[in-house]
Amino acid sequence: MADFQSCELLSQISFRGFLEIVYTAKLHYDKDSDLLIQFFGSSVMDNQIERGEVKPSDRITIDKIASKGSGRTYYLFVLLSRTTKDE
């Protein structure tokens, strides 16, 4: 079963590497940032978990998340990607 943690990212955050936590986030992000990440709404993610397409243990790579930029706010159930950039 998925054990989700609630998390609000309200200030600028910049980091690299693997993140193996799946969590809920209310997030402003810069659309121009280089993100190796997929954004899923909660209902979409629920369906994907049920189908076994994604698991909380799947790794995601985040190059940068910024709270200042586009000014748009997205409510994210998970931040998750199992793939890298196409070669």
N, C-alpha and C. Protein backbone atom coordinates (compact mmCIF):
# COMPACT_ATOMS: atom_id res chain seq x y z
N MET A 1 0.84 -1.19 0.00
CA MET A 1 0.00 0.00 0.00
C MET A 1 0.89 1.26 0.00
N ALA A 2 0.38 2.28 -0.65
CA ALA A 2 1.12 3.53 -0.71
C ALA A 2 1.00 4.27 0.61
N ASP A 3 2.14 4.73 1.08
CA ASP A 3 2.16 5.52 2.31
C ASP A 3 2.55 6.94 1.94
N PHE A 4 1.55 7.78 1.71
CA PHE A 4 1.82 9.12 1.21
C PHE A 4 2.02 10.11 2.34
N GLN A 5 2.95 11.02 2.13
CA GLN A 5 3.21 12.07 3.08
C GLN A 5 2.77 13.40 2.46
N SER A 6 2.26 14.28 3.28
CA SER A 6 1.85 15.58 2.78
C SER A 6 3.02 16.54 2.88
N CYS A 7 3.21 17.31 1.83
CA CYS A 7 4.36 18.22 1.80
C CYS A 7 4.02 19.44 0.97
N GLU A 8 4.25 20.62 1.49
CA GLU A 8 4.08 21.85 0.73
C GLU A 8 5.45 22.45 0.46
N LEU A 9 5.72 22.68 -0.81
CA LEU A 9 6.98 23.30 -1.21
C LEU A 9 6.67 24.74 -1.58
N LEU A 10 7.00 25.66 -0.70
CA LEU A 10 6.58 27.05 -0.88
C LEU A 10 7.73 27.98 -1.24
N SER A 11 8.96 27.56 -1.02
CA SER A 11 10.09 28.42 -1.36
C SER A 11 10.91 27.73 -2.44
N GLN A 12 11.82 28.48 -3.03
CA GLN A 12 12.61 27.92 -4.13
C GLN A 12 13.47 26.77 -3.64
N ILE A 13 13.42 25.68 -4.39
CA ILE A 13 14.18 24.49 -4.03
C ILE A 13 14.98 24.07 -5.25
N SER A 14 16.24 23.80 -5.07
CA SER A 14 17.07 23.33 -6.17
C SER A 14 17.92 22.18 -5.67
N PHE A 15 17.80 21.04 -6.33
CA PHE A 15 18.61 19.89 -5.94
C PHE A 15 18.69 18.91 -7.10
N ARG A 16 19.61 17.98 -7.02
CA ARG A 16 19.81 16.99 -8.07
C ARG A 16 19.87 15.60 -7.44
N GLY A 17 19.62 14.60 -8.29
CA GLY A 17 19.76 13.24 -7.82
C GLY A 17 18.44 12.50 -7.80
N PHE A 18 18.43 11.38 -7.15
CA PHE A 18 17.25 10.53 -7.10
C PHE A 18 16.42 10.84 -5.87
N LEU A 19 15.14 10.87 -6.06
CA LEU A 19 14.21 11.04 -4.96
C LEU A 19 13.27 9.86 -4.98
N GLU A 20 13.17 9.14 -3.89
CA GLU A 20 12.38 7.92 -3.86
C GLU A 20 11.13 8.08 -3.01
N ILE A 21 10.80 9.32 -2.67
CA ILE A 21 9.63 9.58 -1.86
C ILE A 21 8.48 9.98 -2.79
N VAL A 22 7.32 9.43 -2.54
CA VAL A 22 6.13 9.83 -3.27
C VAL A 22 5.27 10.62 -2.30
N TYR A 23 4.89 11.81 -2.68
CA TYR A 23 4.19 12.64 -1.72
C TYR A 23 3.23 13.60 -2.40
N THR A 24 2.40 14.21 -1.61
CA THR A 24 1.48 15.22 -2.08
C THR A 24 2.14 16.59 -1.94
N ALA A 25 2.02 17.42 -2.95
CA ALA A 25 2.66 18.72 -2.88
C ALA A 25 1.80 19.77 -3.57
N LYS A 26 1.72 20.92 -2.94
CA LYS A 26 1.13 22.09 -3.57
C LYS A 26 2.29 22.95 -3.98
N LEU A 27 2.47 23.15 -5.28
CA LEU A 27 3.77 23.59 -5.77
C LEU A 27 3.64 24.62 -6.88
N HIS A 28 4.40 25.70 -6.73
CA HIS A 28 4.63 26.60 -7.86
C HIS A 28 5.89 26.08 -8.56
N TYR A 29 5.87 25.99 -9.89
CA TYR A 29 7.09 25.53 -10.54
C TYR A 29 7.34 26.32 -11.81
N ASP A 30 8.60 26.37 -12.20
CA ASP A 30 9.04 27.10 -13.37
C ASP A 30 8.99 26.15 -14.57
N LYS A 31 8.11 26.44 -15.52
CA LYS A 31 7.93 25.55 -16.66
C LYS A 31 9.19 25.47 -17.52
N ASP A 32 10.08 26.46 -17.40
CA ASP A 32 11.30 26.46 -18.19
C ASP A 32 12.42 25.64 -17.55
N SER A 33 12.21 25.18 -16.33
CA SER A 33 13.22 24.36 -15.67
C SER A 33 13.34 23.02 -16.37
N ASP A 34 14.50 22.42 -16.29
CA ASP A 34 14.74 21.12 -16.90
C ASP A 34 14.30 20.06 -15.90
N LEU A 35 13.09 19.56 -16.06
CA LEU A 35 12.56 18.59 -15.11
C LEU A 35 12.47 17.22 -15.77
N LEU A 36 13.09 16.24 -15.17
CA LEU A 36 12.89 14.85 -15.59
C LEU A 36 11.83 14.29 -14.66
N ILE A 37 10.60 14.68 -14.92
CA ILE A 37 9.55 14.40 -13.95
C ILE A 37 8.20 14.44 -14.64
N GLN A 38 7.28 13.66 -14.15
CA GLN A 38 5.93 13.68 -14.67
C GLN A 38 5.00 14.11 -13.56
N PHE A 39 4.01 14.91 -13.90
CA PHE A 39 3.08 15.42 -12.92
C PHE A 39 1.75 14.70 -13.09
N PHE A 40 1.28 14.09 -12.03
CA PHE A 40 0.04 13.34 -12.08
C PHE A 40 -0.97 13.94 -11.11
N GLY A 41 -2.21 14.04 -11.55
CA GLY A 41 -3.27 14.39 -10.63
C GLY A 41 -3.63 13.17 -9.80
N SER A 42 -4.31 13.37 -8.69
CA SER A 42 -4.55 12.28 -7.77
C SER A 42 -5.37 11.16 -8.40
N SER A 43 -6.41 11.48 -9.17
CA SER A 43 -7.24 10.42 -9.74
C SER A 43 -6.46 9.63 -10.78
N VAL A 44 -5.63 10.31 -11.56
CA VAL A 44 -4.81 9.62 -12.54
C VAL A 44 -3.84 8.68 -11.84
N MET A 45 -3.20 9.17 -10.78
CA MET A 45 -2.22 8.36 -10.08
C MET A 45 -2.88 7.17 -9.42
N ASP A 46 -4.05 7.36 -8.82
CA ASP A 46 -4.76 6.24 -8.21
C ASP A 46 -4.97 5.13 -9.23
N ASN A 47 -5.39 5.50 -10.42
CA ASN A 47 -5.64 4.51 -11.47
C ASN A 47 -4.36 3.81 -11.88
N GLN A 48 -3.27 4.54 -11.97
CA GLN A 48 -2.01 3.93 -12.38
C GLN A 48 -1.48 2.98 -11.31
N ILE A 49 -1.68 3.32 -10.05
CA ILE A 49 -1.26 2.42 -8.99
C ILE A 49 -2.08 1.14 -9.05
N GLU A 50 -3.39 1.29 -9.26
CA GLU A 50 -4.26 0.13 -9.35
C GLU A 50 -3.85 -0.78 -10.50
N ARG A 51 -3.43 -0.21 -11.62
CA ARG A 51 -3.03 -1.00 -12.78
C ARG A 51 -1.60 -1.52 -12.63
N GLY A 52 -0.89 -1.12 -11.58
CA GLY A 52 0.47 -1.58 -11.37
C GLY A 52 1.49 -0.90 -12.25
N GLU A 53 1.12 0.24 -12.84
CA GLU A 53 2.04 0.92 -13.74
C GLU A 53 3.11 1.69 -12.97
N VAL A 54 2.78 2.15 -11.79
CA VAL A 54 3.74 2.88 -10.98
C VAL A 54 3.65 2.41 -9.54
N LYS A 55 4.75 2.56 -8.82
CA LYS A 55 4.79 2.17 -7.42
C LYS A 55 5.48 3.29 -6.64
N PRO A 56 5.15 3.44 -5.37
CA PRO A 56 5.80 4.49 -4.58
C PRO A 56 7.32 4.36 -4.53
N SER A 57 7.83 3.17 -4.78
CA SER A 57 9.27 2.97 -4.70
C SER A 57 9.98 3.34 -6.01
N ASP A 58 9.21 3.64 -7.06
CA ASP A 58 9.85 4.02 -8.32
C ASP A 58 10.67 5.28 -8.12
N ARG A 59 11.83 5.31 -8.77
CA ARG A 59 12.72 6.45 -8.60
C ARG A 59 12.34 7.58 -9.54
N ILE A 60 12.53 8.79 -9.09
CA ILE A 60 12.36 9.94 -9.96
C ILE A 60 13.63 10.77 -9.91
N THR A 61 13.92 11.41 -11.01
CA THR A 61 15.07 12.30 -11.08
C THR A 61 14.57 13.73 -11.18
N ILE A 62 15.02 14.56 -10.29
CA ILE A 62 14.62 15.96 -10.30
C ILE A 62 15.86 16.83 -10.45
N ASP A 63 15.91 17.63 -11.49
CA ASP A 63 17.02 18.55 -11.65
C ASP A 63 16.75 19.86 -10.93
N LYS A 64 15.52 20.33 -11.01
CA LYS A 64 15.24 21.61 -10.36
C LYS A 64 13.75 21.77 -10.20
N ILE A 65 13.34 22.25 -9.05
CA ILE A 65 11.98 22.69 -8.83
C ILE A 65 12.07 24.10 -8.29
N ALA A 66 11.36 25.01 -8.91
CA ALA A 66 11.42 26.41 -8.46
C ALA A 66 10.02 26.91 -8.18
N SER A 67 9.85 27.60 -7.08
CA SER A 67 8.54 28.13 -6.72
C SER A 67 8.26 29.44 -7.43
N LYS A 68 9.30 30.08 -7.94
CA LYS A 68 9.12 31.35 -8.63
C LYS A 68 9.44 31.16 -10.10
N GLY A 69 8.59 31.67 -10.96
CA GLY A 69 8.80 31.51 -12.40
C GLY A 69 7.51 31.74 -13.13
N SER A 70 6.83 30.68 -13.49
CA SER A 70 5.59 30.82 -14.24
C SER A 70 4.48 31.38 -13.37
N GLY A 71 4.56 31.20 -12.07
CA GLY A 71 3.55 31.71 -11.17
C GLY A 71 2.33 30.82 -11.09
N ARG A 72 2.31 29.73 -11.83
CA ARG A 72 1.18 28.83 -11.79
C ARG A 72 1.30 27.88 -10.61
N THR A 73 0.17 27.54 -10.03
CA THR A 73 0.16 26.61 -8.90
C THR A 73 -0.48 25.31 -9.35
N TYR A 74 0.18 24.21 -9.08
CA TYR A 74 -0.34 22.90 -9.41
C TYR A 74 -0.43 22.07 -8.13
N TYR A 75 -1.54 21.36 -7.97
CA TYR A 75 -1.63 20.44 -6.84
C TYR A 75 -1.20 19.07 -7.34
N LEU A 76 -0.11 18.57 -6.80
CA LEU A 76 0.46 17.32 -7.27
C LEU A 76 0.28 16.23 -6.23
N PHE A 77 -0.25 15.10 -6.67
CA PHE A 77 -0.38 13.96 -5.77
C PHE A 77 0.94 13.25 -5.66
N VAL A 78 1.65 13.11 -6.78
CA VAL A 78 2.99 12.53 -6.74
C VAL A 78 3.87 13.24 -7.74
N LEU A 79 5.14 13.13 -7.52
CA LEU A 79 6.15 13.57 -8.47
C LEU A 79 6.91 12.31 -8.85
N LEU A 80 6.74 11.88 -10.09
CA LEU A 80 7.19 10.52 -10.39
C LEU A 80 7.56 10.35 -11.85
N SER A 81 8.68 9.75 -12.11
CA SER A 81 9.05 9.39 -13.46
C SER A 81 9.95 8.17 -13.41
N ARG A 82 9.67 7.19 -14.27
CA ARG A 82 10.51 5.99 -14.32
C ARG A 82 11.43 6.00 -15.53
N THR A 83 11.37 7.07 -16.31
CA THR A 83 12.16 7.12 -17.53
C THR A 83 13.13 8.28 -17.49
N THR A 84 14.12 8.24 -18.37
CA THR A 84 15.05 9.35 -18.52
C THR A 84 14.79 10.00 -19.87
N LYS A 85 15.56 11.03 -20.16
CA LYS A 85 15.39 11.71 -21.45
C LYS A 85 15.62 10.73 -22.59
N ASP A 86 14.85 10.92 -23.67
CA ASP A 86 15.04 10.09 -24.86
C ASP A 86 16.41 10.39 -25.46
N GLU A 87 17.03 9.32 -25.94
CA GLU A 87 18.36 9.50 -26.53
C GLU A 87 18.24 9.58 -28.03
